């Protein structure tokens, strides 16, 4: 009878450890999704920053700005959609 209870307690301990591992795995997946979302946001911000620098280079050079006036207006309208 003692062997049965010790085996039963051991199995319960294993179940608790499996549950803890499963909850840790779920938490790791949540962190993974959070990190992936943060990286995507950082890439979007970096791309927007690059476009703004590109736009500023056109503004600083008036002859280029006249040459690419259509592109400039298109870019401003594209920015305004946000």
PDB file of N, CA and C in Angstrom:
ATOM      1  N   UNK A   1       0.814  -1.185   0.000  1.00  0.00           N
ATOM      2  CA  UNK A   1       0.000   0.000   0.000  1.00  0.00           C
ATOM      3  C   UNK A   1       0.868   1.263   0.000  1.00  0.00           C
ATOM      4  N   UNK A   2       1.956   1.217   0.721  1.00  0.00           N
ATOM      5  CA  UNK A   2       2.866   2.360   0.776  1.00  0.00           C
ATOM      6  C   UNK A   2       3.489   2.616  -0.598  1.00  0.00           C
ATOM      7  N   UNK A   3       3.809   1.559  -1.308  1.00  0.00           N
ATOM      8  CA  UNK A   3       4.390   1.719  -2.637  1.00  0.00           C
ATOM      9  C   UNK A   3       3.417   2.403  -3.588  1.00  0.00           C
ATOM     10  N   UNK A   4       2.140   2.062  -3.456  1.00  0.00           N
ATOM     11  CA  UNK A   4       1.137   2.656  -4.322  1.00  0.00           C
ATOM     12  C   UNK A   4       1.063   4.166  -4.094  1.00  0.00           C
ATOM     13  N   UNK A   5       1.028   4.575  -2.821  1.00  0.00           N
ATOM     14  CA  UNK A   5       0.924   6.004  -2.529  1.00  0.00           C
ATOM     15  C   UNK A   5       2.190   6.768  -2.917  1.00  0.00           C
ATOM     16  N   UNK A   6       3.338   6.174  -2.724  1.00  0.00           N
ATOM     17  CA  UNK A   6       4.568   6.863  -3.123  1.00  0.00           C
ATOM     18  C   UNK A   6       4.630   7.000  -4.638  1.00  0.00           C
ATOM     19  N   UNK A   7       4.190   5.957  -5.360  1.00  0.00           N
ATOM     20  CA  UNK A   7       4.141   6.044  -6.823  1.00  0.00           C
ATOM     21  C   UNK A   7       3.127   7.086  -7.269  1.00  0.00           C
ATOM     22  N   UNK A   8       1.970   7.111  -6.598  1.00  0.00           N
ATOM     23  CA  UNK A   8       0.921   8.075  -6.928  1.00  0.00           C
ATOM     24  C   UNK A   8       1.411   9.510  -6.695  1.00  0.00           C
ATOM     25  N   UNK A   9       2.103   9.743  -5.587  1.00  0.00           N
ATOM     26  CA  UNK A   9       2.650  11.077  -5.307  1.00  0.00           C
ATOM     27  C   UNK A   9       3.707  11.467  -6.337  1.00  0.00           C
ATOM     28  N   UNK A  10       4.526  10.500  -6.732  1.00  0.00           N
ATOM     29  CA  UNK A  10       5.545  10.760  -7.740  1.00  0.00           C
ATOM     30  C   UNK A  10       4.906  11.165  -9.065  1.00  0.00           C
ATOM     31  N   UNK A  11       3.827  10.471  -9.450  1.00  0.00           N
ATOM     32  CA  UNK A  11       3.117  10.797 -10.698  1.00  0.00           C
ATOM     33  C   UNK A  11       2.496  12.179 -10.590  1.00  0.00           C
ATOM     34  N   UNK A  12       1.951  12.530  -9.431  1.00  0.00           N
ATOM     35  CA  UNK A  12       1.391  13.869  -9.251  1.00  0.00           C
ATOM     36  C   UNK A  12       2.471  14.938  -9.388  1.00  0.00           C
ATOM     37  N   UNK A  13       3.638  14.673  -8.816  1.00  0.00           N
ATOM     38  CA  UNK A  13       4.742  15.619  -8.955  1.00  0.00           C
ATOM     39  C   UNK A  13       5.144  15.789 -10.418  1.00  0.00           C
ATOM     40  N   UNK A  14       5.158  14.709 -11.174  1.00  0.00           N
ATOM     41  CA  UNK A  14       5.477  14.804 -12.605  1.00  0.00           C
ATOM     42  C   UNK A  14       4.431  15.617 -13.344  1.00  0.00           C
ATOM     43  N   UNK A  15       3.158  15.435 -12.990  1.00  0.00           N
ATOM     44  CA  UNK A  15       2.098  16.205 -13.631  1.00  0.00           C
ATOM     45  C   UNK A  15       2.266  17.694 -13.354  1.00  0.00           C
ATOM     46  N   UNK A  16       2.629  18.036 -12.130  1.00  0.00           N
ATOM     47  CA  UNK A  16       2.848  19.438 -11.775  1.00  0.00           C
ATOM     48  C   UNK A  16       4.022  19.997 -12.571  1.00  0.00           C
ATOM     49  N   UNK A  17       5.109  19.222 -12.690  1.00  0.00           N
ATOM     50  CA  UNK A  17       6.270  19.678 -13.456  1.00  0.00           C
ATOM     51  C   UNK A  17       5.909  19.843 -14.929  1.00  0.00           C
ATOM     52  N   UNK A  18       5.122  18.916 -15.487  1.00  0.00           N
ATOM     53  CA  UNK A  18       4.687  19.050 -16.885  1.00  0.00           C
ATOM     54  C   UNK A  18       3.846  20.300 -17.069  1.00  0.00           C
ATOM     55  N   UNK A  19       2.967  20.570 -16.111  1.00  0.00           N
ATOM     56  CA  UNK A  19       2.127  21.765 -16.200  1.00  0.00           C
ATOM     57  C   UNK A  19       2.979  23.026 -16.142  1.00  0.00           C
ATOM     58  N   UNK A  20       4.002  23.020 -15.261  1.00  0.00           N
ATOM     59  CA  UNK A  20       4.894  24.176 -15.173  1.00  0.00           C
ATOM     60  C   UNK A  20       5.666  24.368 -16.477  1.00  0.00           C
ATOM     61  N   UNK A  21       6.138  23.286 -17.060  1.00  0.00           N
ATOM     62  CA  UNK A  21       6.850  23.388 -18.337  1.00  0.00           C
ATOM     63  C   UNK A  21       5.929  23.890 -19.438  1.00  0.00           C
ATOM     64  N   UNK A  22       4.690  23.407 -19.423  1.00  0.00           N
ATOM     65  CA  UNK A  22       3.736  23.841 -20.439  1.00  0.00           C
ATOM     66  C   UNK A  22       3.431  25.333 -20.295  1.00  0.00           C
ATOM     67  N   UNK A  23       3.267  25.793 -19.062  1.00  0.00           N
ATOM     68  CA  UNK A  23       2.996  27.222 -18.858  1.00  0.00           C
ATOM     69  C   UNK A  23       4.210  28.064 -19.240  1.00  0.00           C
ATOM     70  N   UNK A  24       5.422  27.546 -18.972  1.00  0.00           N
ATOM     71  CA  UNK A  24       6.628  28.264 -19.400  1.00  0.00           C
ATOM     72  C   UNK A  24       6.725  28.326 -20.920  1.00  0.00           C
ATOM     73  N   UNK A  25       6.340  27.250 -21.581  1.00  0.00           N
ATOM     74  CA  UNK A  25       6.374  27.232 -23.049  1.00  0.00           C
ATOM     75  C   UNK A  25       5.374  28.237 -23.613  1.00  0.00           C
ATOM     76  N   UNK A  26       4.191  28.312 -22.997  1.00  0.00           N
ATOM     77  CA  UNK A  26       3.190  29.282 -23.457  1.00  0.00           C
ATOM     78  C   UNK A  26       3.687  30.710 -23.245  1.00  0.00           C
ATOM     79  N   UNK A  27       4.330  30.936 -22.106  1.00  0.00           N
ATOM     80  CA  UNK A  27       4.864  32.266 -21.833  1.00  0.00           C
ATOM     81  C   UNK A  27       5.969  32.616 -22.828  1.00  0.00           C
ATOM     82  N   UNK A  28       6.801  31.640 -23.162  1.00  0.00           N
ATOM     83  CA  UNK A  28       7.862  31.877 -24.149  1.00  0.00           C
ATOM     84  C   UNK A  28       7.272  32.209 -25.513  1.00  0.00           C
ATOM     85  N   UNK A  29       6.185  31.535 -25.877  1.00  0.00           N
ATOM     86  CA  UNK A  29       5.529  31.844 -27.153  1.00  0.00           C
ATOM     87  C   UNK A  29       4.966  33.261 -27.144  1.00  0.00           C
ATOM     88  N   UNK A  30       4.382  33.677 -26.011  1.00  0.00           N
ATOM     89  CA  UNK A  30       3.871  35.044 -25.901  1.00  0.00           C
ATOM     90  C   UNK A  30       4.998  36.057 -26.067  1.00  0.00           C
ATOM     91  N   UNK A  31       6.133  35.783 -25.417  1.00  0.00           N
ATOM     92  CA  UNK A  31       7.274  36.667 -25.558  1.00  0.00           C
ATOM     93  C   UNK A  31       7.778  36.690 -27.002  1.00  0.00           C
ATOM     94  N   UNK A  32       7.760  35.538 -27.636  1.00  0.00           N
ATOM     95  CA  UNK A  32       8.208  35.450 -29.024  1.00  0.00           C
ATOM     96  C   UNK A  32       7.345  36.322 -29.924  1.00  0.00           C
ATOM     97  N   UNK A  33       6.022  36.260 -29.720  1.00  0.00           N
ATOM     98  CA  UNK A  33       5.123  37.086 -30.527  1.00  0.00           C
ATOM     99  C   UNK A  33       5.336  38.568 -30.223  1.00  0.00           C
ATOM    100  N   UNK A  34       5.579  38.899 -28.959  1.00  0.00           N
ATOM    101  CA  UNK A  34       5.816  40.296 -28.591  1.00  0.00           C
ATOM    102  C   UNK A  34       7.095  40.820 -29.231  1.00  0.00           C
ATOM    103  N   UNK A  35       8.135  39.997 -29.204  1.00  0.00           N
ATOM    104  CA  UNK A  35       9.403  40.412 -29.810  1.00  0.00           C
ATOM    105  C   UNK A  35       9.255  40.569 -31.321  1.00  0.00           C
ATOM    106  N   UNK A  36       8.526  39.637 -31.938  1.00  0.00           N
ATOM    107  CA  UNK A  36       8.317  39.721 -33.384  1.00  0.00           C
ATOM    108  C   UNK A  36       7.546  40.998 -33.743  1.00  0.00           C
ATOM    109  N   UNK A  37       6.530  41.346 -32.946  1.00  0.00           N
ATOM    110  CA  UNK A  37       5.773  42.570 -33.193  1.00  0.00           C
ATOM    111  C   UNK A  37       6.650  43.805 -32.999  1.00  0.00           C
ATOM    112  N   UNK A  38       7.517  43.780 -31.988  1.00  0.00           N
ATOM    113  CA  UNK A  38       8.414  44.918 -31.749  1.00  0.00           C
ATOM    114  C   UNK A  38       9.402  45.088 -32.897  1.00  0.00           C
ATOM    115  N   UNK A  39       9.909  43.993 -33.416  1.00  0.00           N
ATOM    116  CA  UNK A  39      10.849  44.060 -34.547  1.00  0.00           C
ATOM    117  C   UNK A  39      10.147  44.607 -35.783  1.00  0.00           C
ATOM    118  N   UNK A  40       8.919  44.167 -36.037  1.00  0.00           N
ATOM    119  CA  UNK A  40       8.173  44.686 -37.186  1.00  0.00           C
ATOM    120  C   UNK A  40       7.916  46.178 -37.043  1.00  0.00           C
ATOM    121  N   UNK A  41       7.582  46.622 -35.828  1.00  0.00           N
ATOM    122  CA  UNK A  41       7.363  48.048 -35.589  1.00  0.00           C
ATOM    123  C   UNK A  41       8.652  48.829 -35.798  1.00  0.00           C
ATOM    124  N   UNK A  42       9.755  48.293 -35.296  1.00  0.00           N
ATOM    125  CA  UNK A  42      11.046  48.975 -35.466  1.00  0.00           C
ATOM    126  C   UNK A  42      11.407  49.074 -36.942  1.00  0.00           C
ATOM    127  N   UNK A  43      11.143  48.037 -37.709  1.00  0.00           N
ATOM    128  CA  UNK A  43      11.425  48.086 -39.148  1.00  0.00           C
ATOM    129  C   UNK A  43      10.570  49.138 -39.832  1.00  0.00           C
ATOM    130  N   UNK A  44       9.310  49.239 -39.445  1.00  0.00           N
ATOM    131  CA  UNK A  44       8.421  50.246 -40.040  1.00  0.00           C
ATOM    132  C   UNK A  44       8.898  51.653 -39.703  1.00  0.00           C
ATOM    133  N   UNK A  45       9.278  51.863 -38.441  1.00  0.00           N
ATOM    134  CA  UNK A  45       9.755  53.186 -38.031  1.00  0.00           C
ATOM    135  C   UNK A  45      11.052  53.523 -38.762  1.00  0.00           C
ATOM    136  N   UNK A  46      11.931  52.552 -38.898  1.00  0.00           N
ATOM    137  CA  UNK A  46      13.193  52.786 -39.607  1.00  0.00           C
ATOM    138  C   UNK A  46      12.931  53.147 -41.060  1.00  0.00           C
ATOM    139  N   UNK A  47      12.002  52.458 -41.702  1.00  0.00           N
ATOM    140  CA  UNK A  47      11.663  52.751 -43.088  1.00  0.00           C
ATOM    141  C   UNK A  47      11.070  54.150 -43.220  1.00  0.00           C
ATOM    142  N   UNK A  48      10.197  54.524 -42.299  1.00  0.00           N
ATOM    143  CA  UNK A  48       9.610  55.860 -42.317  1.00  0.00           C
ATOM    144  C   UNK A  48      10.693  56.917 -42.108  1.00  0.00           C
ATOM    145  N   UNK A  49      11.606  56.669 -41.192  1.00  0.00           N
ATOM    146  CA  UNK A  49      12.710  57.600 -40.939  1.00  0.00           C
ATOM    147  C   UNK A  49      13.572  57.766 -42.193  1.00  0.00           C
ATOM    148  N   UNK A  50      13.861  56.655 -42.880  1.00  0.00           N
ATOM    149  CA  UNK A  50      14.640  56.720 -44.110  1.00  0.00           C
ATOM    150  C   UNK A  50      13.920  57.565 -45.165  1.00  0.00           C
ATOM    151  N   UNK A  51      12.595  57.376 -45.291  1.00  0.00           N
ATOM    152  CA  UNK A  51      11.834  58.160 -46.264  1.00  0.00           C
ATOM    153  C   UNK A  51      11.828  59.642 -45.890  1.00  0.00           C
ATOM    154  N   UNK A  52      11.743  59.939 -44.608  1.00  0.00           N
ATOM    155  CA  UNK A  52      11.766  61.349 -44.199  1.00  0.00           C
ATOM    156  C   UNK A  52      13.119  61.984 -44.489  1.00  0.00           C
ATOM    157  N   UNK A  53      14.194  61.269 -44.262  1.00  0.00           N
ATOM    158  CA  UNK A  53      15.514  61.798 -44.610  1.00  0.00           C
ATOM    159  C   UNK A  53      15.652  62.014 -46.116  1.00  0.00           C
ATOM    160  N   UNK A  54      15.098  61.086 -46.877  1.00  0.00           N
ATOM    161  CA  UNK A  54      15.105  61.212 -48.330  1.00  0.00           C
ATOM    162  C   UNK A  54      14.323  62.456 -48.752  1.00  0.00           C
ATOM    163  N   UNK A  55      13.189  62.682 -48.105  1.00  0.00           N
ATOM    164  CA  UNK A  55      12.369  63.857 -48.385  1.00  0.00           C
ATOM    165  C   UNK A  55      13.123  65.142 -48.019  1.00  0.00           C
ATOM    166  N   UNK A  56      13.795  65.144 -46.896  1.00  0.00           N
ATOM    167  CA  UNK A  56      14.554  66.321 -46.485  1.00  0.00           C
ATOM    168  C   UNK A  56      15.692  66.619 -47.447  1.00  0.00           C
ATOM    169  N   UNK A  57      16.280  65.614 -48.037  1.00  0.00           N
ATOM    170  CA  UNK A  57      17.348  65.870 -49.007  1.00  0.00           C
ATOM    171  C   UNK A  57      16.798  66.580 -50.241  1.00  0.00           C
ATOM    172  N   UNK A  58      15.539  66.282 -50.617  1.00  0.00           N
ATOM    173  CA  UNK A  58      14.917  67.005 -51.734  1.00  0.00           C
ATOM    174  C   UNK A  58      14.594  68.441 -51.357  1.00  0.00           C
ATOM    175  N   UNK A  59      14.139  68.647 -50.127  1.00  0.00           N
ATOM    176  CA  UNK A  59      13.767  70.001 -49.707  1.00  0.00           C
ATOM    177  C   UNK A  59      15.001  70.902 -49.635  1.00  0.00           C
ATOM    178  N   UNK A  60      16.126  70.355 -49.217  1.00  0.00           N
ATOM    179  CA  UNK A  60      17.342  71.156 -49.089  1.00  0.00           C
ATOM    180  C   UNK A  60      17.935  71.559 -50.435  1.00  0.00           C
ATOM    181  N   UNK A  61      17.562  70.887 -51.503  1.00  0.00           N
ATOM    182  CA  UNK A  61      18.088  71.209 -52.824  1.00  0.00           C
ATOM    183  C   UNK A  61      16.917  71.648 -53.712  1.00  0.00           C
ATOM    184  N   UNK A  62      16.693  72.963 -53.877  1.00  0.00           N
ATOM    185  CA  UNK A  62      15.514  73.451 -54.611  1.00  0.00           C
ATOM    186  C   UNK A  62      15.436  72.979 -56.063  1.00  0.00           C
ATOM    187  N   UNK A  63      16.568  72.867 -56.741  1.00  0.00           N
ATOM    188  CA  UNK A  63      16.504  72.428 -58.139  1.00  0.00           C
ATOM    189  C   UNK A  63      16.016  70.988 -58.235  1.00  0.00           C
ATOM    190  N   UNK A  64      16.445  70.164 -57.323  1.00  0.00           N
ATOM    191  CA  UNK A  64      15.971  68.784 -57.312  1.00  0.00           C
ATOM    192  C   UNK A  64      14.500  68.751 -56.950  1.00  0.00           C
ATOM    193  N   UNK A  65      14.105  69.650 -56.058  1.00  0.00           N
ATOM    194  CA  UNK A  65      12.716  69.692 -55.628  1.00  0.00           C
ATOM    195  C   UNK A  65      11.811  70.052 -56.804  1.00  0.00           C
ATOM    196  N   UNK A  66      12.241  70.999 -57.647  1.00  0.00           N
ATOM    197  CA  UNK A  66      11.442  71.356 -58.826  1.00  0.00           C
ATOM    198  C   UNK A  66      11.390  70.200 -59.822  1.00  0.00           C
ATOM    199  N   UNK A  67      12.515  69.534 -59.959  1.00  0.00           N
ATOM    200  CA  UNK A  67      12.589  68.425 -60.908  1.00  0.00           C
ATOM    201  C   UNK A  67      11.665  67.284 -60.497  1.00  0.00           C
ATOM    202  N   UNK A  68      11.572  67.047 -59.213  1.00  0.00           N
ATOM    203  CA  UNK A  68      10.765  65.932 -58.713  1.00  0.00           C
ATOM    204  C   UNK A  68       9.529  66.421 -57.957  1.00  0.00           C
ATOM    205  N   UNK A  69       8.944  67.516 -58.433  1.00  0.00           N
ATOM    206  CA  UNK A  69       7.808  68.101 -57.714  1.00  0.00           C
ATOM    207  C   UNK A  69       6.648  67.114 -57.624  1.00  0.00           C
ATOM    208  N   UNK A  70       6.380  66.395 -58.689  1.00  0.00           N
ATOM    209  CA  UNK A  70       5.290  65.423 -58.671  1.00  0.00           C
ATOM    210  C   UNK A  70       5.544  64.348 -57.609  1.00  0.00           C
ATOM    211  N   UNK A  71       6.767  63.824 -57.567  1.00  0.00           N
ATOM    212  CA  UNK A  71       7.106  62.801 -56.570  1.00  0.00           C
ATOM    213  C   UNK A  71       7.013  63.368 -55.159  1.00  0.00           C
ATOM    214  N   UNK A  72       7.423  64.620 -55.013  1.00  0.00           N
ATOM    215  CA  UNK A  72       7.351  65.264 -53.715  1.00  0.00           C
ATOM    216  C   UNK A  72       5.900  65.383 -53.254  1.00  0.00           C
ATOM    217  N   UNK A  73       5.026  65.839 -54.127  1.00  0.00           N
ATOM    218  CA  UNK A  73       3.609  65.978 -53.778  1.00  0.00           C
ATOM    219  C   UNK A  73       2.987  64.616 -53.484  1.00  0.00           C
ATOM    220  N   UNK A  74       3.369  63.620 -54.254  1.00  0.00           N
ATOM    221  CA  UNK A  74       2.863  62.278 -54.013  1.00  0.00           C
ATOM    222  C   UNK A  74       3.317  61.773 -52.651  1.00  0.00           C
ATOM    223  N   UNK A  75       4.584  62.043 -52.317  1.00  0.00           N
ATOM    224  CA  UNK A  75       5.110  61.585 -51.033  1.00  0.00           C
ATOM    225  C   UNK A  75       4.411  62.288 -49.874  1.00  0.00           C
ATOM    226  N   UNK A  76       4.161  63.588 -50.012  1.00  0.00           N
ATOM    227  CA  UNK A  76       3.452  64.322 -48.958  1.00  0.00           C
ATOM    228  C   UNK A  76       2.042  63.783 -48.796  1.00  0.00           C
ATOM    229  N   UNK A  77       1.360  63.513 -49.893  1.00  0.00           N
ATOM    230  CA  UNK A  77       0.007  62.960 -49.781  1.00  0.00           C
ATOM    231  C   UNK A  77       0.042  61.558 -49.170  1.00  0.00           C
ATOM    232  N   UNK A  78       1.104  60.817 -49.463  1.00  0.00           N
ATOM    233  CA  UNK A  78       1.238  59.478 -48.881  1.00  0.00           C
ATOM    234  C   UNK A  78       1.442  59.569 -47.371  1.00  0.00           C
ATOM    235  N   UNK A  79       2.259  60.554 -46.942  1.00  0.00           N
ATOM    236  CA  UNK A  79       2.482  60.755 -45.504  1.00  0.00           C
ATOM    237  C   UNK A  79       1.183  61.185 -44.821  1.00  0.00           C
ATOM    238  N   UNK A  80       0.408  62.010 -45.482  1.00  0.00           N
ATOM    239  CA  UNK A  80      -0.837  62.514 -44.878  1.00  0.00           C
ATOM    240  C   UNK A  80      -1.878  61.413 -44.692  1.00  0.00           C
ATOM    241  N   UNK A  81      -1.726  60.295 -45.391  1.00  0.00           N
ATOM    242  CA  UNK A  81      -2.704  59.211 -45.216  1.00  0.00           C
ATOM    243  C   UNK A  81      -2.568  58.546 -43.860  1.00  0.00           C
ATOM    244  N   UNK A  82      -1.423  58.715 -43.200  1.00  0.00           N
ATOM    245  CA  UNK A  82      -1.266  58.147 -41.856  1.00  0.00           C
ATOM    246  C   UNK A  82      -1.969  59.025 -40.914  1.00  0.00           C
TER     247      UNK A  82
END
